[in-house]
Amino acid sequence: AFVLFSDLQGYTALNERMRGSEIAMVMHGLWYIFDSLVQKHGMHKMDTVGDAFIVLCLVDNEKDLGPLACAMVDLARDMVVALRDINSAIASGKPWHQYVDGTKDYRELEGGEDETSKAWRSGGEAGVHQILNIRIGIDVGRVVAGVIGKLQPRFHAHGTVM
């Protein structure tokens, strides 16, 4: 299996500048975009914990290692690009997080700056261009995967790669 681990650099500082409800909106928007990228590349989202995002790609046949490795690297690249675009959207002051899941029409973005974007931008001009950065690591190894748990059963993978 290939496993992608990512976490956001700047997340802790962001929590110090924003209310919990604002962080939740931002993370919902970001995870929604990342979830779409995971689907695009045919991977499986394992979990999110705070600012960590974990993706799994099971390998059934050894001949698929090369193409699946490329797909995992493509996913990582797309996540970096998406976060760059989100940073730009935040810097613009538009309420981008309300439009990523389709619940609001993106054509309404002509409006003014929302409170979440104002709070995010309050760090001053120096912090606007790279509000959040992402660290991504990819590993490969053997796993045992399946649904475990009683109260909230979930799909998990276990092995040295995890």
N, C-alpha and C. Protein backbone atom coordinates (compact mmCIF):
# COMPACT_ATOMS: atom_id res chain seq x y z
N ALA A 1 0.84 -1.18 0.00
CA ALA A 1 0.00 0.00 0.00
C ALA A 1 0.89 1.24 0.00
N PHE A 2 0.37 2.29 -0.59
CA PHE A 2 0.99 3.60 -0.49
C PHE A 2 0.18 4.39 0.53
N VAL A 3 0.87 5.14 1.37
CA VAL A 3 0.20 5.97 2.37
C VAL A 3 0.74 7.39 2.25
N LEU A 4 -0.17 8.36 2.19
CA LEU A 4 0.19 9.77 2.17
C LEU A 4 -0.22 10.36 3.52
N PHE A 5 0.74 10.99 4.18
CA PHE A 5 0.49 11.70 5.44
C PHE A 5 0.72 13.18 5.17
N SER A 6 -0.20 14.02 5.61
CA SER A 6 0.01 15.46 5.46
C SER A 6 -0.42 16.17 6.72
N ASP A 7 0.21 17.31 6.97
CA ASP A 7 -0.25 18.19 8.04
C ASP A 7 0.00 19.62 7.60
N LEU A 8 -0.73 20.52 8.21
CA LEU A 8 -0.67 21.93 7.83
C LEU A 8 0.27 22.69 8.75
N GLN A 9 1.19 23.40 8.15
CA GLN A 9 2.07 24.29 8.89
C GLN A 9 1.37 25.64 8.99
N GLY A 10 1.22 26.15 10.20
CA GLY A 10 0.49 27.40 10.42
C GLY A 10 -0.87 27.17 11.06
N TYR A 11 -1.27 25.92 11.22
CA TYR A 11 -2.58 25.59 11.77
C TYR A 11 -2.71 26.04 13.23
N THR A 12 -1.68 25.81 14.03
CA THR A 12 -1.73 26.19 15.44
C THR A 12 -1.87 27.71 15.58
N ALA A 13 -1.09 28.46 14.81
CA ALA A 13 -1.18 29.92 14.86
C ALA A 13 -2.57 30.39 14.40
N LEU A 14 -3.11 29.70 13.42
CA LEU A 14 -4.44 30.04 12.92
C LEU A 14 -5.48 29.87 14.03
N ASN A 15 -5.35 28.82 14.82
CA ASN A 15 -6.27 28.57 15.93
C ASN A 15 -6.20 29.66 16.99
N GLU A 16 -5.06 30.31 17.09
CA GLU A 16 -4.90 31.39 18.07
C GLU A 16 -5.56 32.68 17.59
N ARG A 17 -5.80 32.81 16.27
CA ARG A 17 -6.36 34.05 15.71
C ARG A 17 -7.83 33.94 15.36
N MET A 18 -8.39 32.72 15.34
CA MET A 18 -9.76 32.55 14.87
C MET A 18 -10.59 31.79 15.91
N ARG A 19 -11.90 31.99 15.85
CA ARG A 19 -12.83 31.24 16.70
C ARG A 19 -12.94 29.80 16.17
N GLY A 20 -13.36 28.91 17.04
CA GLY A 20 -13.54 27.51 16.67
C GLY A 20 -14.47 27.33 15.49
N SER A 21 -15.56 28.11 15.45
CA SER A 21 -16.51 27.98 14.34
C SER A 21 -15.88 28.42 13.02
N GLU A 22 -15.00 29.41 13.07
CA GLU A 22 -14.32 29.87 11.86
C GLU A 22 -13.32 28.82 11.37
N ILE A 23 -12.58 28.23 12.32
CA ILE A 23 -11.63 27.16 11.96
C ILE A 23 -12.39 26.00 11.33
N ALA A 24 -13.54 25.66 11.90
CA ALA A 24 -14.34 24.55 11.37
C ALA A 24 -14.76 24.82 9.93
N MET A 25 -15.16 26.05 9.62
CA MET A 25 -15.55 26.39 8.24
C MET A 25 -14.35 26.28 7.30
N VAL A 26 -13.22 26.78 7.73
CA VAL A 26 -12.02 26.73 6.89
C VAL A 26 -11.61 25.27 6.64
N MET A 27 -11.59 24.47 7.70
CA MET A 27 -11.17 23.07 7.55
C MET A 27 -12.18 22.28 6.72
N HIS A 28 -13.47 22.58 6.88
CA HIS A 28 -14.47 21.92 6.04
C HIS A 28 -14.19 22.22 4.56
N GLY A 29 -13.95 23.48 4.25
CA GLY A 29 -13.66 23.85 2.87
C GLY A 29 -12.41 23.16 2.35
N LEU A 30 -11.35 23.15 3.15
CA LEU A 30 -10.09 22.52 2.73
C LEU A 30 -10.26 21.02 2.56
N TRP A 31 -10.87 20.36 3.55
CA TRP A 31 -11.04 18.89 3.46
C TRP A 31 -11.98 18.53 2.31
N TYR A 32 -12.96 19.35 2.05
CA TYR A 32 -13.86 19.08 0.92
C TYR A 32 -13.07 19.06 -0.39
N ILE A 33 -12.20 20.02 -0.55
CA ILE A 33 -11.37 20.08 -1.76
C ILE A 33 -10.42 18.89 -1.81
N PHE A 34 -9.76 18.58 -0.69
CA PHE A 34 -8.84 17.44 -0.66
C PHE A 34 -9.60 16.13 -0.91
N ASP A 35 -10.81 15.99 -0.36
CA ASP A 35 -11.61 14.79 -0.61
C ASP A 35 -11.88 14.62 -2.11
N SER A 36 -12.19 15.71 -2.78
CA SER A 36 -12.43 15.66 -4.23
C SER A 36 -11.18 15.21 -4.97
N LEU A 37 -10.02 15.68 -4.53
CA LEU A 37 -8.77 15.27 -5.16
C LEU A 37 -8.48 13.79 -4.92
N VAL A 38 -8.77 13.31 -3.73
CA VAL A 38 -8.59 11.89 -3.43
C VAL A 38 -9.45 11.04 -4.37
N GLN A 39 -10.70 11.45 -4.56
CA GLN A 39 -11.58 10.72 -5.48
C GLN A 39 -11.07 10.79 -6.91
N LYS A 40 -10.62 11.97 -7.32
CA LYS A 40 -10.10 12.15 -8.68
C LYS A 40 -8.96 11.16 -8.98
N HIS A 41 -8.12 10.91 -7.98
CA HIS A 41 -6.95 10.05 -8.18
C HIS A 41 -7.22 8.59 -7.79
N GLY A 42 -8.45 8.27 -7.42
CA GLY A 42 -8.81 6.88 -7.12
C GLY A 42 -8.20 6.34 -5.85
N MET A 43 -7.98 7.20 -4.87
CA MET A 43 -7.39 6.79 -3.60
C MET A 43 -8.49 6.66 -2.54
N HIS A 44 -8.08 6.33 -1.31
CA HIS A 44 -9.02 6.19 -0.20
C HIS A 44 -8.58 7.09 0.95
N LYS A 45 -9.44 8.02 1.37
CA LYS A 45 -9.14 8.85 2.54
C LYS A 45 -9.28 7.99 3.78
N MET A 46 -8.21 7.90 4.53
CA MET A 46 -8.23 7.10 5.76
C MET A 46 -8.81 7.89 6.92
N ASP A 47 -8.29 9.12 7.12
CA ASP A 47 -8.69 9.84 8.32
C ASP A 47 -8.25 11.30 8.24
N THR A 48 -8.88 12.12 9.06
CA THR A 48 -8.40 13.46 9.36
C THR A 48 -8.41 13.60 10.86
N VAL A 49 -7.36 14.17 11.40
CA VAL A 49 -7.27 14.44 12.82
C VAL A 49 -6.69 15.84 12.96
N GLY A 50 -7.52 16.80 13.38
CA GLY A 50 -7.04 18.18 13.44
C GLY A 50 -6.64 18.64 12.05
N ASP A 51 -5.36 18.90 11.88
CA ASP A 51 -4.86 19.36 10.58
C ASP A 51 -4.18 18.25 9.79
N ALA A 52 -4.24 17.02 10.27
CA ALA A 52 -3.62 15.89 9.57
C ALA A 52 -4.63 15.24 8.63
N PHE A 53 -4.15 14.86 7.45
CA PHE A 53 -4.99 14.25 6.41
C PHE A 53 -4.23 13.02 5.92
N ILE A 54 -4.84 11.85 5.99
CA ILE A 54 -4.16 10.59 5.68
C ILE A 54 -4.91 9.88 4.55
N VAL A 55 -4.15 9.46 3.53
CA VAL A 55 -4.73 8.82 2.35
C VAL A 55 -4.04 7.47 2.13
N LEU A 56 -4.81 6.47 1.71
CA LEU A 56 -4.30 5.13 1.47
C LEU A 56 -4.60 4.71 0.04
N CYS A 57 -3.65 4.02 -0.57
CA CYS A 57 -3.84 3.43 -1.89
C CYS A 57 -3.40 1.97 -1.81
N LEU A 58 -4.35 1.07 -1.88
CA LEU A 58 -4.03 -0.36 -1.82
C LEU A 58 -3.52 -0.84 -3.18
N VAL A 59 -2.53 -1.70 -3.13
CA VAL A 59 -1.92 -2.23 -4.35
C VAL A 59 -2.23 -3.73 -4.41
N ASP A 60 -3.02 -4.12 -5.42
CA ASP A 60 -3.39 -5.52 -5.57
C ASP A 60 -2.36 -6.32 -6.34
N ASN A 61 -1.69 -5.67 -7.28
CA ASN A 61 -0.78 -6.36 -8.18
C ASN A 61 0.53 -5.59 -8.25
N GLU A 62 1.63 -6.28 -8.15
CA GLU A 62 2.95 -5.64 -8.15
C GLU A 62 3.21 -4.81 -9.41
N LYS A 63 2.62 -5.20 -10.53
CA LYS A 63 2.82 -4.44 -11.77
C LYS A 63 2.16 -3.06 -11.71
N ASP A 64 1.27 -2.86 -10.72
CA ASP A 64 0.60 -1.57 -10.56
C ASP A 64 1.39 -0.59 -9.70
N LEU A 65 2.52 -1.01 -9.14
CA LEU A 65 3.29 -0.16 -8.24
C LEU A 65 3.67 1.17 -8.90
N GLY A 66 4.22 1.14 -10.09
CA GLY A 66 4.65 2.36 -10.78
C GLY A 66 3.52 3.33 -11.03
N PRO A 67 2.46 2.89 -11.70
CA PRO A 67 1.34 3.81 -11.95
C PRO A 67 0.69 4.34 -10.67
N LEU A 68 0.57 3.50 -9.65
CA LEU A 68 -0.05 3.96 -8.40
C LEU A 68 0.87 4.93 -7.65
N ALA A 69 2.18 4.70 -7.72
CA ALA A 69 3.12 5.65 -7.11
C ALA A 69 3.00 7.01 -7.79
N CYS A 70 2.91 7.00 -9.11
CA CYS A 70 2.73 8.26 -9.85
C CYS A 70 1.42 8.95 -9.48
N ALA A 71 0.36 8.15 -9.32
CA ALA A 71 -0.94 8.73 -8.94
C ALA A 71 -0.87 9.35 -7.55
N MET A 72 -0.16 8.71 -6.63
CA MET A 72 -0.04 9.25 -5.27
C MET A 72 0.76 10.56 -5.28
N VAL A 73 1.83 10.60 -6.07
CA VAL A 73 2.62 11.84 -6.18
C VAL A 73 1.79 12.93 -6.85
N ASP A 74 1.01 12.56 -7.86
CA ASP A 74 0.12 13.55 -8.50
C ASP A 74 -0.89 14.11 -7.49
N LEU A 75 -1.42 13.25 -6.63
CA LEU A 75 -2.35 13.71 -5.60
C LEU A 75 -1.64 14.71 -4.68
N ALA A 76 -0.43 14.38 -4.24
CA ALA A 76 0.31 15.28 -3.36
C ALA A 76 0.53 16.64 -4.03
N ARG A 77 0.92 16.62 -5.30
CA ARG A 77 1.13 17.87 -6.04
C ARG A 77 -0.17 18.66 -6.12
N ASP A 78 -1.28 17.99 -6.41
CA ASP A 78 -2.57 18.68 -6.50
C ASP A 78 -2.99 19.28 -5.16
N MET A 79 -2.64 18.62 -4.06
CA MET A 79 -2.95 19.16 -2.73
C MET A 79 -2.16 20.44 -2.47
N VAL A 80 -0.89 20.45 -2.87
CA VAL A 80 -0.05 21.64 -2.71
C VAL A 80 -0.62 22.79 -3.53
N VAL A 81 -0.99 22.51 -4.78
CA VAL A 81 -1.55 23.54 -5.66
C VAL A 81 -2.87 24.05 -5.10
N ALA A 82 -3.72 23.15 -4.63
CA ALA A 82 -5.02 23.55 -4.06
C ALA A 82 -4.82 24.46 -2.86
N LEU A 83 -3.86 24.13 -1.98
CA LEU A 83 -3.63 24.97 -0.82
C LEU A 83 -3.10 26.34 -1.23
N ARG A 84 -2.26 26.38 -2.24
CA ARG A 84 -1.78 27.68 -2.76
C ARG A 84 -2.97 28.51 -3.25
N ASP A 85 -3.88 27.88 -3.98
CA ASP A 85 -5.05 28.58 -4.48
C ASP A 85 -5.95 29.06 -3.33
N ILE A 86 -6.08 28.24 -2.30
CA ILE A 86 -6.89 28.62 -1.14
C ILE A 86 -6.26 29.81 -0.43
N ASN A 87 -4.94 29.79 -0.28
CA ASN A 87 -4.25 30.94 0.33
C ASN A 87 -4.54 32.21 -0.47
N SER A 88 -4.54 32.11 -1.80
CA SER A 88 -4.84 33.27 -2.64
C SER A 88 -6.28 33.73 -2.44
N ALA A 89 -7.19 32.78 -2.34
CA ALA A 89 -8.60 33.12 -2.14
C ALA A 89 -8.80 33.81 -0.79
N ILE A 90 -8.12 33.30 0.22
CA ILE A 90 -8.22 33.91 1.55
C ILE A 90 -7.67 35.33 1.50
N ALA A 91 -6.52 35.49 0.86
CA ALA A 91 -5.89 36.81 0.77
C ALA A 91 -6.78 37.80 0.02
N SER A 92 -7.64 37.31 -0.87
CA SER A 92 -8.53 38.20 -1.62
C SER A 92 -9.64 38.76 -0.74
N GLY A 93 -9.87 38.10 0.40
CA GLY A 93 -10.91 38.56 1.30
C GLY A 93 -12.29 38.02 0.99
N LYS A 94 -12.42 37.20 -0.03
CA LYS A 94 -13.73 36.65 -0.39
C LYS A 94 -14.07 35.45 0.50
N PRO A 95 -15.34 35.20 0.77
CA PRO A 95 -15.75 34.09 1.62
C PRO A 95 -15.71 32.75 0.88
N TRP A 96 -14.54 32.35 0.44
CA TRP A 96 -14.35 31.17 -0.41
C TRP A 96 -14.89 29.88 0.21
N HIS A 97 -14.76 29.70 1.53
CA HIS A 97 -15.12 28.45 2.20
C HIS A 97 -16.60 28.15 2.13
N GLN A 98 -17.44 29.14 1.85
CA GLN A 98 -18.88 28.93 1.77
C GLN A 98 -19.31 28.38 0.41
N TYR A 99 -18.40 28.31 -0.53
CA TYR A 99 -18.77 27.97 -1.90
C TYR A 99 -18.17 26.66 -2.40
N VAL A 100 -17.24 26.08 -1.67
CA VAL A 100 -16.55 24.91 -2.19
C VAL A 100 -17.42 23.66 -2.28
N ASP A 101 -18.42 23.54 -1.43
CA ASP A 101 -19.22 22.31 -1.44
C ASP A 101 -20.52 22.45 -2.24
N GLY A 102 -20.68 23.58 -2.94
CA GLY A 102 -21.84 23.74 -3.80
C GLY A 102 -23.10 24.21 -3.09
N THR A 103 -23.02 24.46 -1.78
CA THR A 103 -24.22 24.90 -1.08
C THR A 103 -24.57 26.35 -1.38
N LYS A 104 -23.61 27.13 -1.85
CA LYS A 104 -23.86 28.50 -2.29
C LYS A 104 -23.31 28.65 -3.70
N ASP A 105 -23.90 29.53 -4.45
CA ASP A 105 -23.50 29.76 -5.84
C ASP A 105 -22.24 30.63 -5.87
N TYR A 106 -21.19 30.12 -6.49
CA TYR A 106 -19.91 30.84 -6.52
C TYR A 106 -20.03 32.21 -7.20
N ARG A 107 -21.07 32.40 -8.02
CA ARG A 107 -21.23 33.70 -8.70
C ARG A 107 -21.59 34.81 -7.73
N GLU A 108 -21.96 34.44 -6.51
CA GLU A 108 -22.25 35.44 -5.48
C GLU A 108 -20.99 36.01 -4.86
N LEU A 109 -19.84 35.55 -5.26
CA LEU A 109 -18.58 35.97 -4.66
C LEU A 109 -18.23 37.43 -4.90
N GLU A 110 -19.07 38.14 -5.61
CA GLU A 110 -18.82 39.56 -5.86
C GLU A 110 -18.96 40.38 -4.59
N GLY A 111 -19.54 39.79 -3.52
CA GLY A 111 -19.78 40.51 -2.27
C GLY A 111 -18.50 40.87 -1.55
N GLY A 112 -18.65 41.47 -0.39
CA GLY A 112 -17.51 41.95 0.38
C GLY A 112 -16.83 40.85 1.18
N GLU A 113 -15.88 41.26 1.97
CA GLU A 113 -15.09 40.35 2.78
C GLU A 113 -15.93 39.82 3.94
N ASP A 114 -15.79 38.54 4.25
CA ASP A 114 -16.52 37.96 5.36
C ASP A 114 -15.67 37.98 6.63
N GLU A 115 -16.29 37.65 7.77
CA GLU A 115 -15.59 37.72 9.05
C GLU A 115 -14.43 36.73 9.14
N THR A 116 -14.61 35.52 8.58
CA THR A 116 -13.54 34.52 8.64
C THR A 116 -12.32 35.00 7.88
N SER A 117 -12.52 35.55 6.70
CA SER A 117 -11.39 36.05 5.92
C SER A 117 -10.73 37.23 6.62
N LYS A 118 -11.53 38.10 7.25
CA LYS A 118 -10.95 39.23 7.99
C LYS A 118 -10.08 38.72 9.12
N ALA A 119 -10.58 37.73 9.87
CA ALA A 119 -9.81 37.19 10.99
C ALA A 119 -8.53 36.53 10.49
N TRP A 120 -8.64 35.83 9.37
CA TRP A 120 -7.48 35.13 8.81
C TRP A 120 -6.42 36.14 8.37
N ARG A 121 -6.87 37.23 7.80
CA ARG A 121 -5.96 38.23 7.26
C ARG A 121 -5.39 39.15 8.34
N SER A 122 -5.90 39.07 9.56
CA SER A 122 -5.53 40.04 10.60
C SER A 122 -4.06 39.97 10.99
N GLY A 123 -3.35 38.97 10.52
CA GLY A 123 -1.93 38.86 10.84
C GLY A 123 -1.07 39.87 10.11
N GLY A 124 -1.63 40.66 9.21
CA GLY A 124 -0.86 41.67 8.48
C GLY A 124 -0.44 41.17 7.11
N GLU A 125 0.02 42.07 6.29
CA GLU A 125 0.35 41.75 4.89
C GLU A 125 1.43 40.69 4.75
N ALA A 126 2.38 40.64 5.70
CA ALA A 126 3.49 39.68 5.57
C ALA A 126 2.99 38.24 5.56
N GLY A 127 1.89 37.97 6.29
CA GLY A 127 1.41 36.60 6.38
C GLY A 127 0.35 36.24 5.36
N VAL A 128 -0.04 37.15 4.51
CA VAL A 128 -1.17 36.90 3.62
C VAL A 128 -0.84 35.90 2.53
N HIS A 129 0.33 35.96 1.95
CA HIS A 129 0.62 35.14 0.77
C HIS A 129 0.74 33.65 1.09
N GLN A 130 1.30 33.29 2.21
CA GLN A 130 1.38 31.89 2.61
C GLN A 130 0.83 31.75 4.01
N ILE A 131 -0.47 31.75 4.13
CA ILE A 131 -1.14 31.65 5.42
C ILE A 131 -0.95 30.25 5.98
N LEU A 132 -1.13 29.27 5.13
CA LEU A 132 -0.91 27.87 5.50
C LEU A 132 0.05 27.23 4.50
N ASN A 133 0.91 26.38 5.00
CA ASN A 133 1.74 25.53 4.16
C ASN A 133 1.39 24.10 4.49
N ILE A 134 1.79 23.18 3.64
CA ILE A 134 1.48 21.77 3.87
C ILE A 134 2.76 20.96 3.80
N ARG A 135 2.88 20.00 4.71
CA ARG A 135 3.98 19.03 4.68
C ARG A 135 3.35 17.70 4.29
N ILE A 136 3.96 17.05 3.31
CA ILE A 136 3.42 15.78 2.81
C ILE A 136 4.53 14.75 2.76
N GLY A 137 4.22 13.57 3.26
CA GLY A 137 5.13 12.44 3.16
C GLY A 137 4.39 11.26 2.56
N ILE A 138 5.09 10.49 1.74
CA ILE A 138 4.50 9.29 1.13
C ILE A 138 5.39 8.11 1.47
N ASP A 139 4.78 7.02 1.88
CA ASP A 139 5.52 5.81 2.20
C ASP A 139 4.84 4.62 1.53
N VAL A 140 5.56 3.54 1.42
CA VAL A 140 5.01 2.32 0.81
C VAL A 140 5.41 1.13 1.68
N GLY A 141 4.48 0.18 1.81
CA GLY A 141 4.75 -1.02 2.60
C GLY A 141 3.51 -1.88 2.70
N ARG A 142 3.66 -2.96 3.41
CA ARG A 142 2.55 -3.91 3.57
C ARG A 142 1.62 -3.46 4.70
N VAL A 143 0.32 -3.66 4.47
CA VAL A 143 -0.68 -3.35 5.48
C VAL A 143 -1.72 -4.47 5.53
N VAL A 144 -2.40 -4.51 6.65
CA VAL A 144 -3.61 -5.30 6.80
C VAL A 144 -4.71 -4.27 6.99
N ALA A 145 -5.77 -4.37 6.19
CA ALA A 145 -6.81 -3.35 6.22
C ALA A 145 -8.18 -3.99 6.41
N GLY A 146 -9.05 -3.27 7.09
CA GLY A 146 -10.41 -3.73 7.29
C GLY A 146 -11.16 -2.81 8.22
N VAL A 147 -12.43 -3.10 8.42
CA VAL A 147 -13.28 -2.31 9.30
C VAL A 147 -13.14 -2.86 10.71
N ILE A 148 -12.82 -1.96 11.66
CA ILE A 148 -12.70 -2.37 13.05
C ILE A 148 -13.45 -1.39 13.94
N GLY A 149 -13.77 -1.85 15.13
CA GLY A 149 -14.45 -1.02 16.12
C GLY A 149 -15.90 -1.44 16.29
N LYS A 150 -16.45 -1.06 17.45
CA LYS A 150 -17.84 -1.40 17.75
C LYS A 150 -18.73 -0.16 17.72
N LEU A 151 -18.38 0.88 18.48
CA LEU A 151 -19.24 2.06 18.58
C LEU A 151 -19.23 2.91 17.31
N GLN A 152 -18.08 3.10 16.74
CA GLN A 152 -17.94 3.84 15.48
C GLN A 152 -17.02 3.05 14.56
N PRO A 153 -17.51 1.96 13.99
CA PRO A 153 -16.64 1.15 13.15
C PRO A 153 -16.14 1.94 11.95
N ARG A 154 -14.83 1.81 11.68
CA ARG A 154 -14.23 2.53 10.56
C ARG A 154 -13.20 1.66 9.88
N PHE A 155 -12.93 2.01 8.65
CA PHE A 155 -11.91 1.33 7.88
C PHE A 155 -10.54 1.79 8.37
N HIS A 156 -9.69 0.84 8.70
CA HIS A 156 -8.34 1.13 9.19
C HIS A 156 -7.33 0.27 8.46
N ALA A 157 -6.09 0.71 8.45
CA ALA A 157 -4.98 -0.07 7.93
C ALA A 157 -3.92 -0.13 9.02
N HIS A 158 -3.29 -1.27 9.16
CA HIS A 158 -2.25 -1.46 10.17
C HIS A 158 -1.05 -2.11 9.52
N GLY A 159 0.12 -1.70 9.95
CA GLY A 159 1.37 -2.24 9.45
C GLY A 159 2.47 -1.22 9.70
N THR A 160 3.70 -1.62 9.40
CA THR A 160 4.83 -0.73 9.69
C THR A 160 4.77 0.58 8.90
N VAL A 161 4.12 0.58 7.75
CA VAL A 161 4.02 1.79 6.96
C VAL A 161 3.09 2.82 7.60
N MET A 162 2.23 2.37 8.46
CA MET A 162 1.29 3.28 9.12
C MET A 162 1.92 3.89 10.35
